[in-house]
N, C-alpha and C. Protein backbone atom coordinates (compact mmCIF):
# COMPACT_ATOMS: atom_id res chain seq x y z
N MET A 1 20.44 -124.72 -28.48
CA MET A 1 19.35 -125.75 -28.07
C MET A 1 18.05 -125.39 -28.85
N GLY A 2 17.84 -124.16 -29.17
CA GLY A 2 16.62 -123.83 -29.89
C GLY A 2 15.46 -123.78 -29.04
N ASN A 3 14.24 -123.71 -29.68
CA ASN A 3 12.99 -123.56 -28.98
C ASN A 3 12.40 -124.99 -28.80
N ARG A 4 12.84 -125.63 -27.76
CA ARG A 4 12.36 -126.97 -27.52
C ARG A 4 10.91 -127.09 -27.05
N LEU A 5 10.50 -126.01 -26.39
CA LEU A 5 9.05 -126.03 -25.84
C LEU A 5 8.37 -124.80 -26.38
N SER A 6 8.27 -124.68 -27.68
CA SER A 6 7.65 -123.47 -28.29
C SER A 6 6.08 -123.60 -28.11
N LYS A 7 5.60 -124.83 -27.96
CA LYS A 7 4.17 -125.06 -27.76
C LYS A 7 4.04 -125.93 -26.50
N ILE A 8 3.41 -125.51 -25.48
CA ILE A 8 3.29 -126.27 -24.13
C ILE A 8 2.37 -127.52 -24.33
N TYR A 9 1.29 -127.35 -24.96
CA TYR A 9 0.35 -128.53 -25.08
C TYR A 9 0.47 -129.09 -26.48
N THR A 10 0.38 -130.40 -26.52
CA THR A 10 0.45 -131.12 -27.83
C THR A 10 -0.75 -131.94 -28.11
N ARG A 11 -1.48 -132.25 -27.07
CA ARG A 11 -2.62 -133.14 -27.08
C ARG A 11 -2.26 -134.60 -27.41
N THR A 12 -1.02 -134.92 -27.51
CA THR A 12 -0.61 -136.33 -27.75
C THR A 12 -0.81 -137.23 -26.61
N GLY A 13 -0.95 -136.60 -25.43
CA GLY A 13 -1.11 -137.39 -24.21
C GLY A 13 -2.58 -137.48 -23.79
N ASP A 14 -3.47 -137.02 -24.56
CA ASP A 14 -4.90 -137.03 -24.21
C ASP A 14 -5.46 -138.44 -24.15
N ASP A 15 -4.72 -139.37 -24.80
CA ASP A 15 -5.14 -140.83 -24.73
C ASP A 15 -4.64 -141.59 -23.60
N GLY A 16 -3.95 -140.90 -22.65
CA GLY A 16 -3.34 -141.50 -21.48
C GLY A 16 -1.96 -142.07 -21.66
N SER A 17 -1.30 -141.73 -22.82
CA SER A 17 0.04 -142.15 -23.04
C SER A 17 0.97 -140.91 -23.00
N THR A 18 2.27 -141.23 -22.93
CA THR A 18 3.30 -140.08 -22.94
C THR A 18 4.48 -140.68 -23.69
N GLY A 19 5.21 -139.78 -24.19
CA GLY A 19 6.49 -140.02 -24.90
C GLY A 19 7.72 -140.19 -24.06
N LEU A 20 8.48 -141.23 -24.06
CA LEU A 20 9.73 -141.29 -23.44
C LEU A 20 10.77 -140.51 -24.21
N GLY A 21 11.92 -140.32 -23.74
CA GLY A 21 12.98 -139.58 -24.31
C GLY A 21 13.53 -140.26 -25.55
N ASP A 22 13.25 -141.55 -25.79
CA ASP A 22 13.74 -142.27 -27.00
C ASP A 22 12.63 -142.30 -28.02
N GLY A 23 11.44 -141.62 -27.76
CA GLY A 23 10.30 -141.57 -28.69
C GLY A 23 9.28 -142.71 -28.48
N THR A 24 9.63 -143.65 -27.65
CA THR A 24 8.64 -144.75 -27.25
C THR A 24 7.47 -144.14 -26.57
N ARG A 25 6.30 -144.62 -26.90
CA ARG A 25 5.11 -144.17 -26.17
C ARG A 25 4.68 -145.23 -25.18
N VAL A 26 4.42 -144.84 -23.92
CA VAL A 26 3.98 -145.64 -22.82
C VAL A 26 2.80 -145.07 -22.10
N SER A 27 2.12 -145.89 -21.33
CA SER A 27 1.01 -145.37 -20.52
C SER A 27 1.54 -144.43 -19.44
N LYS A 28 0.75 -143.44 -19.20
CA LYS A 28 1.17 -142.48 -18.11
C LYS A 28 1.26 -143.01 -16.83
N ASP A 29 0.66 -144.24 -16.54
CA ASP A 29 0.80 -144.88 -15.22
C ASP A 29 1.80 -146.03 -15.19
N SER A 30 2.63 -145.98 -16.21
CA SER A 30 3.69 -147.03 -16.19
C SER A 30 4.67 -146.83 -15.07
N ALA A 31 5.37 -147.89 -14.71
CA ALA A 31 6.38 -147.79 -13.57
C ALA A 31 7.48 -146.83 -13.99
N ARG A 32 7.90 -146.77 -15.26
CA ARG A 32 8.90 -145.81 -15.62
C ARG A 32 8.43 -144.37 -15.51
N VAL A 33 7.23 -144.06 -15.88
CA VAL A 33 6.70 -142.73 -15.72
C VAL A 33 6.60 -142.31 -14.32
N SER A 34 6.06 -143.28 -13.50
CA SER A 34 5.88 -143.00 -12.06
C SER A 34 7.28 -142.67 -11.41
N ALA A 35 8.32 -143.51 -11.82
CA ALA A 35 9.66 -143.32 -11.21
C ALA A 35 10.17 -141.93 -11.57
N TYR A 36 10.19 -141.52 -12.89
CA TYR A 36 10.78 -140.19 -13.16
C TYR A 36 9.86 -139.17 -12.77
N GLY A 37 8.59 -139.38 -12.70
CA GLY A 37 7.65 -138.33 -12.11
C GLY A 37 7.91 -138.07 -10.75
N THR A 38 8.19 -139.10 -9.90
CA THR A 38 8.47 -138.86 -8.56
C THR A 38 9.81 -138.14 -8.36
N VAL A 39 10.78 -138.50 -9.18
CA VAL A 39 12.01 -137.72 -9.15
C VAL A 39 11.82 -136.26 -9.49
N ASP A 40 10.89 -135.94 -10.43
CA ASP A 40 10.49 -134.54 -10.72
C ASP A 40 9.82 -133.91 -9.53
N GLU A 41 9.00 -134.68 -8.87
CA GLU A 41 8.34 -134.16 -7.66
C GLU A 41 9.33 -133.88 -6.50
N LEU A 42 10.35 -134.74 -6.35
CA LEU A 42 11.41 -134.56 -5.45
C LEU A 42 12.15 -133.25 -5.77
N ASN A 43 12.38 -133.07 -7.03
CA ASN A 43 13.09 -131.80 -7.44
C ASN A 43 12.28 -130.52 -7.03
N SER A 44 10.92 -130.65 -7.26
CA SER A 44 10.05 -129.55 -6.88
C SER A 44 10.11 -129.30 -5.38
N THR A 45 10.15 -130.41 -4.60
CA THR A 45 10.14 -130.17 -3.12
C THR A 45 11.46 -129.53 -2.71
N LEU A 46 12.51 -129.86 -3.39
CA LEU A 46 13.73 -129.15 -3.09
C LEU A 46 13.70 -127.59 -3.45
N GLY A 47 12.90 -127.32 -4.51
CA GLY A 47 12.55 -125.91 -4.79
C GLY A 47 11.84 -125.27 -3.64
N VAL A 48 10.97 -125.92 -2.98
CA VAL A 48 10.28 -125.40 -1.80
C VAL A 48 11.29 -125.17 -0.67
N VAL A 49 12.15 -126.15 -0.49
CA VAL A 49 13.23 -125.91 0.58
C VAL A 49 14.08 -124.70 0.27
N LEU A 50 14.45 -124.54 -1.05
CA LEU A 50 15.25 -123.40 -1.46
C LEU A 50 14.56 -122.09 -1.34
N ALA A 51 13.19 -122.16 -1.29
CA ALA A 51 12.42 -120.85 -1.11
C ALA A 51 12.52 -120.38 0.35
N CYS A 52 12.99 -121.24 1.20
CA CYS A 52 13.15 -120.93 2.65
C CYS A 52 14.54 -120.18 2.82
N GLU A 53 14.71 -119.57 3.99
CA GLU A 53 15.95 -118.97 4.33
C GLU A 53 16.94 -120.12 4.68
N LEU A 54 18.01 -120.15 3.94
CA LEU A 54 19.01 -121.25 4.14
C LEU A 54 20.44 -120.66 4.24
N PRO A 55 21.32 -121.36 4.88
CA PRO A 55 22.73 -120.97 4.71
C PRO A 55 23.21 -121.17 3.28
N GLU A 56 24.07 -120.25 2.93
CA GLU A 56 24.43 -120.22 1.47
C GLU A 56 25.02 -121.60 1.00
N ALA A 57 25.82 -122.18 1.82
CA ALA A 57 26.46 -123.50 1.38
C ALA A 57 25.38 -124.52 1.14
N ILE A 58 24.35 -124.61 1.90
CA ILE A 58 23.31 -125.52 1.82
C ILE A 58 22.45 -125.27 0.52
N ALA A 59 22.20 -123.94 0.29
CA ALA A 59 21.40 -123.56 -0.85
C ALA A 59 22.19 -123.99 -2.16
N THR A 60 23.50 -123.75 -2.12
CA THR A 60 24.27 -124.16 -3.30
C THR A 60 24.24 -125.66 -3.55
N MET A 61 24.40 -126.34 -2.44
CA MET A 61 24.43 -127.83 -2.50
C MET A 61 23.10 -128.31 -3.11
N LEU A 62 21.98 -127.79 -2.55
CA LEU A 62 20.66 -128.28 -2.98
C LEU A 62 20.43 -127.84 -4.52
N THR A 63 20.84 -126.71 -4.96
CA THR A 63 20.74 -126.35 -6.36
C THR A 63 21.52 -127.38 -7.21
N GLU A 64 22.70 -127.69 -6.79
CA GLU A 64 23.52 -128.69 -7.54
C GLU A 64 22.77 -129.97 -7.61
N ILE A 65 22.18 -130.40 -6.48
CA ILE A 65 21.37 -131.64 -6.48
C ILE A 65 20.22 -131.57 -7.39
N GLN A 66 19.54 -130.36 -7.53
CA GLN A 66 18.46 -130.26 -8.45
C GLN A 66 18.92 -130.50 -9.90
N HIS A 67 20.07 -130.11 -10.24
CA HIS A 67 20.62 -130.32 -11.54
C HIS A 67 20.80 -131.86 -11.72
N GLU A 68 21.34 -132.50 -10.66
CA GLU A 68 21.57 -133.96 -10.76
C GLU A 68 20.25 -134.74 -10.89
N LEU A 69 19.14 -134.19 -10.17
CA LEU A 69 17.94 -134.87 -10.34
C LEU A 69 17.31 -134.72 -11.76
N PHE A 70 17.66 -133.63 -12.45
CA PHE A 70 17.18 -133.59 -13.85
C PHE A 70 17.94 -134.57 -14.64
N ASP A 71 19.25 -134.82 -14.28
CA ASP A 71 20.00 -135.87 -15.00
C ASP A 71 19.39 -137.29 -14.65
N LEU A 72 19.02 -137.49 -13.46
CA LEU A 72 18.46 -138.82 -13.05
C LEU A 72 17.10 -138.95 -13.77
N GLY A 73 16.35 -137.91 -13.77
CA GLY A 73 15.00 -138.02 -14.48
C GLY A 73 15.23 -138.33 -15.99
N GLY A 74 16.31 -137.71 -16.60
CA GLY A 74 16.58 -138.03 -17.94
C GLY A 74 16.98 -139.45 -18.16
N GLU A 75 17.82 -139.96 -17.23
CA GLU A 75 18.24 -141.37 -17.28
C GLU A 75 17.08 -142.36 -17.28
N LEU A 76 16.11 -142.04 -16.43
CA LEU A 76 14.92 -142.86 -16.22
C LEU A 76 14.02 -142.69 -17.44
N CYS A 77 13.92 -141.52 -18.04
CA CYS A 77 13.06 -141.25 -19.17
C CYS A 77 13.64 -141.78 -20.46
N ILE A 78 14.89 -141.92 -20.56
CA ILE A 78 15.55 -142.41 -21.81
C ILE A 78 16.17 -143.76 -21.50
N PRO A 79 15.48 -144.87 -21.71
CA PRO A 79 15.92 -146.18 -21.41
C PRO A 79 17.30 -146.43 -22.05
N GLY A 80 18.26 -146.98 -21.31
CA GLY A 80 19.59 -147.19 -21.76
C GLY A 80 20.61 -146.13 -21.55
N SER A 81 20.13 -144.91 -21.11
CA SER A 81 21.09 -143.82 -20.90
C SER A 81 21.74 -143.99 -19.56
N ASP A 82 22.88 -143.25 -19.43
CA ASP A 82 23.62 -143.29 -18.10
C ASP A 82 24.11 -141.92 -17.81
N LEU A 83 23.29 -141.23 -17.00
CA LEU A 83 23.62 -139.85 -16.65
C LEU A 83 23.98 -139.63 -15.19
N ILE A 84 23.72 -140.64 -14.33
CA ILE A 84 24.13 -140.60 -12.94
C ILE A 84 25.32 -141.57 -12.72
N HIS A 85 26.38 -141.09 -12.20
CA HIS A 85 27.61 -141.89 -12.08
C HIS A 85 28.04 -142.12 -10.68
N ASP A 86 28.88 -143.07 -10.43
CA ASP A 86 29.50 -143.30 -9.06
C ASP A 86 30.00 -142.04 -8.49
N ALA A 87 30.67 -141.15 -9.22
CA ALA A 87 31.18 -139.89 -8.68
C ALA A 87 30.07 -139.09 -8.08
N ASP A 88 28.92 -139.07 -8.60
CA ASP A 88 27.75 -138.34 -8.06
C ASP A 88 27.38 -138.88 -6.70
N ILE A 89 27.41 -140.18 -6.56
CA ILE A 89 27.02 -140.78 -5.32
C ILE A 89 28.17 -140.56 -4.34
N THR A 90 29.38 -140.66 -4.67
CA THR A 90 30.51 -140.32 -3.82
C THR A 90 30.48 -138.91 -3.37
N ARG A 91 30.07 -137.99 -4.17
CA ARG A 91 29.91 -136.54 -3.77
C ARG A 91 28.88 -136.41 -2.76
N LEU A 92 27.74 -137.09 -2.86
CA LEU A 92 26.66 -137.06 -1.77
C LEU A 92 27.21 -137.62 -0.52
N GLU A 93 27.96 -138.72 -0.60
CA GLU A 93 28.46 -139.35 0.59
C GLU A 93 29.48 -138.35 1.31
N THR A 94 30.29 -137.69 0.53
CA THR A 94 31.24 -136.77 1.14
C THR A 94 30.49 -135.64 1.77
N ARG A 95 29.45 -135.13 1.17
CA ARG A 95 28.70 -133.98 1.79
C ARG A 95 28.06 -134.45 3.09
N LEU A 96 27.46 -135.65 2.96
CA LEU A 96 26.73 -136.28 4.15
C LEU A 96 27.68 -136.44 5.31
N ASP A 97 28.87 -137.01 5.02
CA ASP A 97 29.89 -137.20 6.11
C ASP A 97 30.28 -135.84 6.70
N GLY A 98 30.49 -134.90 5.87
CA GLY A 98 30.95 -133.52 6.40
C GLY A 98 29.88 -132.85 7.26
N LEU A 99 28.63 -132.91 6.82
CA LEU A 99 27.55 -132.29 7.62
C LEU A 99 27.32 -133.10 8.89
N ASN A 100 27.37 -134.46 8.78
CA ASN A 100 26.98 -135.22 9.93
C ASN A 100 28.09 -135.23 11.02
N ALA A 101 29.27 -134.91 10.64
CA ALA A 101 30.39 -134.85 11.62
C ALA A 101 30.13 -133.85 12.76
N GLY A 102 29.41 -132.79 12.40
CA GLY A 102 29.20 -131.73 13.37
C GLY A 102 27.93 -131.89 14.14
N LEU A 103 27.26 -133.06 14.00
CA LEU A 103 25.94 -133.29 14.70
C LEU A 103 26.18 -134.39 15.79
N PRO A 104 25.40 -134.25 16.94
CA PRO A 104 25.57 -135.28 17.98
C PRO A 104 24.90 -136.54 17.45
N ALA A 105 25.40 -137.69 17.86
CA ALA A 105 24.83 -139.00 17.51
C ALA A 105 23.44 -139.09 17.99
N LEU A 106 22.66 -139.73 17.18
CA LEU A 106 21.20 -139.84 17.61
C LEU A 106 21.03 -141.12 18.47
N GLN A 107 20.34 -140.99 19.54
CA GLN A 107 20.00 -142.10 20.41
C GLN A 107 18.54 -142.54 20.21
N GLU A 108 17.74 -141.62 19.66
CA GLU A 108 16.33 -141.88 19.40
C GLU A 108 15.97 -141.34 18.06
N PHE A 109 14.79 -141.76 17.66
CA PHE A 109 14.27 -141.15 16.30
C PHE A 109 13.87 -139.72 16.61
N ILE A 110 13.90 -138.81 15.59
CA ILE A 110 13.44 -137.47 15.76
C ILE A 110 12.17 -137.30 15.01
N LEU A 111 11.32 -136.42 15.48
CA LEU A 111 10.12 -136.04 14.79
C LEU A 111 10.43 -135.01 13.66
N PRO A 112 9.81 -135.19 12.53
CA PRO A 112 10.01 -134.19 11.48
C PRO A 112 9.54 -132.84 11.95
N GLY A 113 10.29 -131.79 11.74
CA GLY A 113 10.03 -130.44 12.19
C GLY A 113 11.27 -129.63 12.23
N GLY A 114 11.29 -128.81 13.18
CA GLY A 114 12.55 -128.05 13.51
C GLY A 114 12.58 -126.67 12.67
N GLY A 115 11.42 -126.10 12.42
CA GLY A 115 11.40 -124.92 11.61
C GLY A 115 10.96 -125.18 10.25
N MET A 116 10.55 -124.12 9.51
CA MET A 116 10.07 -124.35 8.13
C MET A 116 11.03 -125.05 7.18
N ALA A 117 12.26 -124.51 7.15
CA ALA A 117 13.31 -125.16 6.21
C ALA A 117 13.49 -126.62 6.51
N ALA A 118 13.72 -126.88 7.82
CA ALA A 118 13.97 -128.32 8.20
C ALA A 118 12.74 -129.17 7.97
N ALA A 119 11.60 -128.64 8.25
CA ALA A 119 10.36 -129.47 7.95
C ALA A 119 10.18 -129.72 6.47
N GLN A 120 10.45 -128.78 5.65
CA GLN A 120 10.31 -128.95 4.21
C GLN A 120 11.36 -129.91 3.72
N CYS A 121 12.50 -129.91 4.38
CA CYS A 121 13.63 -130.86 3.98
C CYS A 121 13.22 -132.34 4.39
N HIS A 122 12.48 -132.44 5.53
CA HIS A 122 12.01 -133.74 5.85
C HIS A 122 10.98 -134.26 4.77
N VAL A 123 10.19 -133.34 4.30
CA VAL A 123 9.19 -133.72 3.25
C VAL A 123 10.00 -134.18 2.03
N ALA A 124 11.04 -133.44 1.63
CA ALA A 124 11.82 -133.86 0.53
C ALA A 124 12.47 -135.20 0.78
N ARG A 125 12.92 -135.45 1.98
CA ARG A 125 13.48 -136.74 2.26
C ARG A 125 12.51 -137.87 2.08
N THR A 126 11.30 -137.75 2.41
CA THR A 126 10.31 -138.74 2.29
C THR A 126 9.87 -138.93 0.83
N VAL A 127 9.92 -137.88 0.04
CA VAL A 127 9.68 -137.99 -1.35
C VAL A 127 10.89 -138.79 -2.04
N ALA A 128 12.03 -138.47 -1.62
CA ALA A 128 13.25 -139.16 -2.06
C ALA A 128 13.11 -140.71 -1.82
N ARG A 129 12.61 -141.06 -0.65
CA ARG A 129 12.45 -142.43 -0.27
C ARG A 129 11.34 -143.10 -1.18
N ARG A 130 10.29 -142.37 -1.48
CA ARG A 130 9.32 -142.83 -2.40
C ARG A 130 9.82 -143.04 -3.78
N ALA A 131 10.61 -142.05 -4.25
CA ALA A 131 11.24 -142.15 -5.62
C ALA A 131 12.14 -143.36 -5.69
N GLU A 132 12.90 -143.63 -4.59
CA GLU A 132 13.75 -144.81 -4.51
C GLU A 132 12.89 -146.11 -4.64
N ARG A 133 11.74 -146.20 -3.85
CA ARG A 133 10.92 -147.36 -4.00
C ARG A 133 10.43 -147.57 -5.40
N GLU A 134 10.03 -146.46 -6.06
CA GLU A 134 9.44 -146.56 -7.40
C GLU A 134 10.50 -146.91 -8.36
N VAL A 135 11.72 -146.48 -8.18
CA VAL A 135 12.79 -146.95 -9.19
C VAL A 135 13.05 -148.45 -8.88
N VAL A 136 13.04 -148.85 -7.69
CA VAL A 136 13.28 -150.31 -7.35
C VAL A 136 12.11 -151.10 -8.14
N THR A 137 10.87 -150.63 -7.97
CA THR A 137 9.77 -151.35 -8.60
C THR A 137 10.02 -151.34 -10.12
N LEU A 138 10.48 -150.31 -10.79
CA LEU A 138 10.74 -150.24 -12.13
C LEU A 138 11.86 -151.35 -12.46
N SER A 139 12.88 -151.47 -11.59
CA SER A 139 13.94 -152.33 -11.87
C SER A 139 13.54 -153.80 -11.89
N HIS A 140 12.37 -154.17 -11.37
CA HIS A 140 11.91 -155.48 -11.34
C HIS A 140 11.53 -155.95 -12.73
N HIS A 141 11.22 -155.05 -13.61
CA HIS A 141 10.79 -155.56 -14.95
C HIS A 141 11.43 -154.77 -16.07
N ASP A 142 12.26 -153.71 -15.78
CA ASP A 142 12.97 -152.97 -16.82
C ASP A 142 14.39 -152.78 -16.31
N ALA A 143 15.29 -152.62 -17.22
CA ALA A 143 16.71 -152.35 -16.82
C ALA A 143 16.84 -150.97 -16.21
N VAL A 144 17.40 -150.93 -14.99
CA VAL A 144 17.76 -149.75 -14.29
C VAL A 144 19.15 -149.90 -13.81
N ARG A 145 19.95 -148.88 -14.02
CA ARG A 145 21.35 -148.97 -13.52
C ARG A 145 21.26 -148.80 -12.02
N PRO A 146 22.17 -149.51 -11.31
CA PRO A 146 22.16 -149.48 -9.77
C PRO A 146 22.54 -148.10 -9.35
N GLN A 147 23.15 -147.30 -10.05
CA GLN A 147 23.57 -145.93 -9.57
C GLN A 147 22.31 -145.13 -9.32
N ALA A 148 21.29 -145.40 -10.09
CA ALA A 148 20.03 -144.59 -9.89
C ALA A 148 19.41 -144.83 -8.52
N ILE A 149 19.44 -146.10 -8.07
CA ILE A 149 18.92 -146.48 -6.84
C ILE A 149 19.81 -145.92 -5.71
N ARG A 150 21.10 -146.18 -5.88
CA ARG A 150 22.07 -145.81 -4.85
C ARG A 150 22.06 -144.28 -4.72
N TYR A 151 21.89 -143.48 -5.79
CA TYR A 151 21.85 -142.10 -5.75
C TYR A 151 20.71 -141.67 -4.81
N LEU A 152 19.48 -142.14 -5.08
CA LEU A 152 18.35 -141.70 -4.23
C LEU A 152 18.43 -142.21 -2.79
N ASN A 153 19.04 -143.33 -2.56
CA ASN A 153 19.26 -143.76 -1.26
C ASN A 153 20.14 -142.83 -0.44
N ARG A 154 21.29 -142.45 -1.06
CA ARG A 154 22.16 -141.55 -0.36
C ARG A 154 21.53 -140.19 -0.26
N LEU A 155 20.78 -139.73 -1.32
CA LEU A 155 20.20 -138.37 -1.21
C LEU A 155 19.15 -138.35 -0.02
N SER A 156 18.39 -139.33 0.16
CA SER A 156 17.48 -139.28 1.30
C SER A 156 18.17 -139.21 2.61
N ASP A 157 19.32 -139.95 2.75
CA ASP A 157 20.14 -139.83 3.91
C ASP A 157 20.71 -138.38 4.14
N LEU A 158 21.25 -137.80 3.03
CA LEU A 158 21.73 -136.48 3.08
C LEU A 158 20.65 -135.48 3.46
N LEU A 159 19.47 -135.60 2.86
CA LEU A 159 18.36 -134.75 3.25
C LEU A 159 17.95 -134.81 4.74
N PHE A 160 18.06 -136.03 5.26
CA PHE A 160 17.78 -136.16 6.78
C PHE A 160 18.83 -135.33 7.54
N VAL A 161 20.08 -135.47 7.18
CA VAL A 161 21.17 -134.80 7.85
C VAL A 161 21.04 -133.29 7.67
N ILE A 162 20.67 -132.87 6.46
CA ILE A 162 20.47 -131.41 6.25
C ILE A 162 19.33 -130.90 7.05
N ALA A 163 18.21 -131.66 7.20
CA ALA A 163 17.13 -131.25 7.99
C ALA A 163 17.63 -131.09 9.48
N ARG A 164 18.44 -132.00 9.95
CA ARG A 164 19.02 -131.79 11.25
C ARG A 164 19.85 -130.51 11.43
N VAL A 165 20.70 -130.31 10.46
CA VAL A 165 21.51 -129.12 10.47
C VAL A 165 20.69 -127.84 10.46
N LEU A 166 19.66 -127.87 9.58
CA LEU A 166 18.79 -126.70 9.49
C LEU A 166 17.97 -126.43 10.75
N ALA A 167 17.52 -127.51 11.39
CA ALA A 167 16.77 -127.34 12.66
C ALA A 167 17.62 -126.74 13.77
N ARG A 168 18.91 -127.15 13.78
CA ARG A 168 19.86 -126.65 14.81
C ARG A 168 20.26 -125.16 14.42
N SER A 169 20.57 -124.88 13.26
CA SER A 169 21.00 -123.62 12.83
C SER A 169 19.90 -122.54 12.99
N ALA A 170 18.68 -122.90 12.85
CA ALA A 170 17.54 -122.02 13.04
C ALA A 170 17.17 -121.81 14.49
N GLY A 171 17.85 -122.57 15.34
CA GLY A 171 17.57 -122.45 16.79
C GLY A 171 16.38 -123.28 17.29
N HIS A 172 15.76 -124.05 16.43
CA HIS A 172 14.56 -124.83 16.81
C HIS A 172 14.85 -126.17 17.43
N GLY A 173 16.14 -126.68 17.14
CA GLY A 173 16.49 -127.98 17.71
C GLY A 173 15.59 -129.15 17.22
N GLU A 174 15.84 -130.28 17.77
CA GLU A 174 15.10 -131.41 17.38
C GLU A 174 14.24 -131.95 18.47
N THR A 175 13.01 -132.51 18.15
CA THR A 175 12.19 -133.18 19.10
C THR A 175 12.39 -134.66 18.96
N LEU A 176 12.74 -135.31 20.01
CA LEU A 176 12.91 -136.70 20.03
C LEU A 176 11.60 -137.48 20.16
N TRP A 177 11.45 -138.56 19.51
CA TRP A 177 10.29 -139.39 19.67
C TRP A 177 10.33 -140.06 20.98
N LYS A 178 9.18 -139.83 21.72
CA LYS A 178 9.12 -140.38 23.08
C LYS A 178 8.32 -141.71 23.02
N HIS A 179 9.08 -142.78 22.73
CA HIS A 179 8.35 -144.00 22.57
C HIS A 179 7.79 -144.53 23.87
N GLU A 180 8.43 -144.08 24.99
CA GLU A 180 7.97 -144.62 26.26
C GLU A 180 6.73 -143.87 26.83
N ARG A 181 6.23 -142.97 26.06
CA ARG A 181 5.07 -142.16 26.43
C ARG A 181 3.75 -143.14 26.60
N ARG A 182 3.79 -144.19 25.86
CA ARG A 182 2.64 -145.13 25.93
C ARG A 182 2.91 -146.18 26.97
N LYS A 183 1.92 -146.33 27.85
CA LYS A 183 2.04 -147.42 28.82
C LYS A 183 1.88 -148.71 28.15
N ARG A 184 2.73 -149.66 28.51
CA ARG A 184 2.59 -150.96 27.95
C ARG A 184 1.70 -151.81 28.81
N GLY A 185 1.01 -152.66 28.25
CA GLY A 185 0.21 -153.59 29.09
C GLY A 185 -1.24 -153.78 28.75
């Protein structure tokens, strides 16, 4: 691969533009840059989750997802590329189904929390939802493969379930939203 980043700053972005993977220059506030930038932010939030104490299987799963998020970011950064596939989405669904099978059904919404790892996972879930919204926004005026949107949708669901698993495994449990706490009238 060589020395791809031998010099960290180039000054080429000082005018408010950045280069896409295909060499095209766009504004740093373009929908495409916002979309892959938020995917990068999501990857970083998973790094924070991984800095917590986690069961080994979940740590391995999240690390694999980080690699896939680099693929997704690459797909968004290089218009016309296809790096996220249906098999990636199916793998998320399989993981989600496996983890969710051991959890009680939810009757109410839960409050984000449940210990540091679970709380950080909830933050990652919300960043995944934002990334999904930004990819949808991008899709309104540029070509985006549906796999990108579906991947982020499933990932946010998986992160919700992982947060539930982590809250329970850490002994913190889940705090249910008490919607009846407010008097109506």
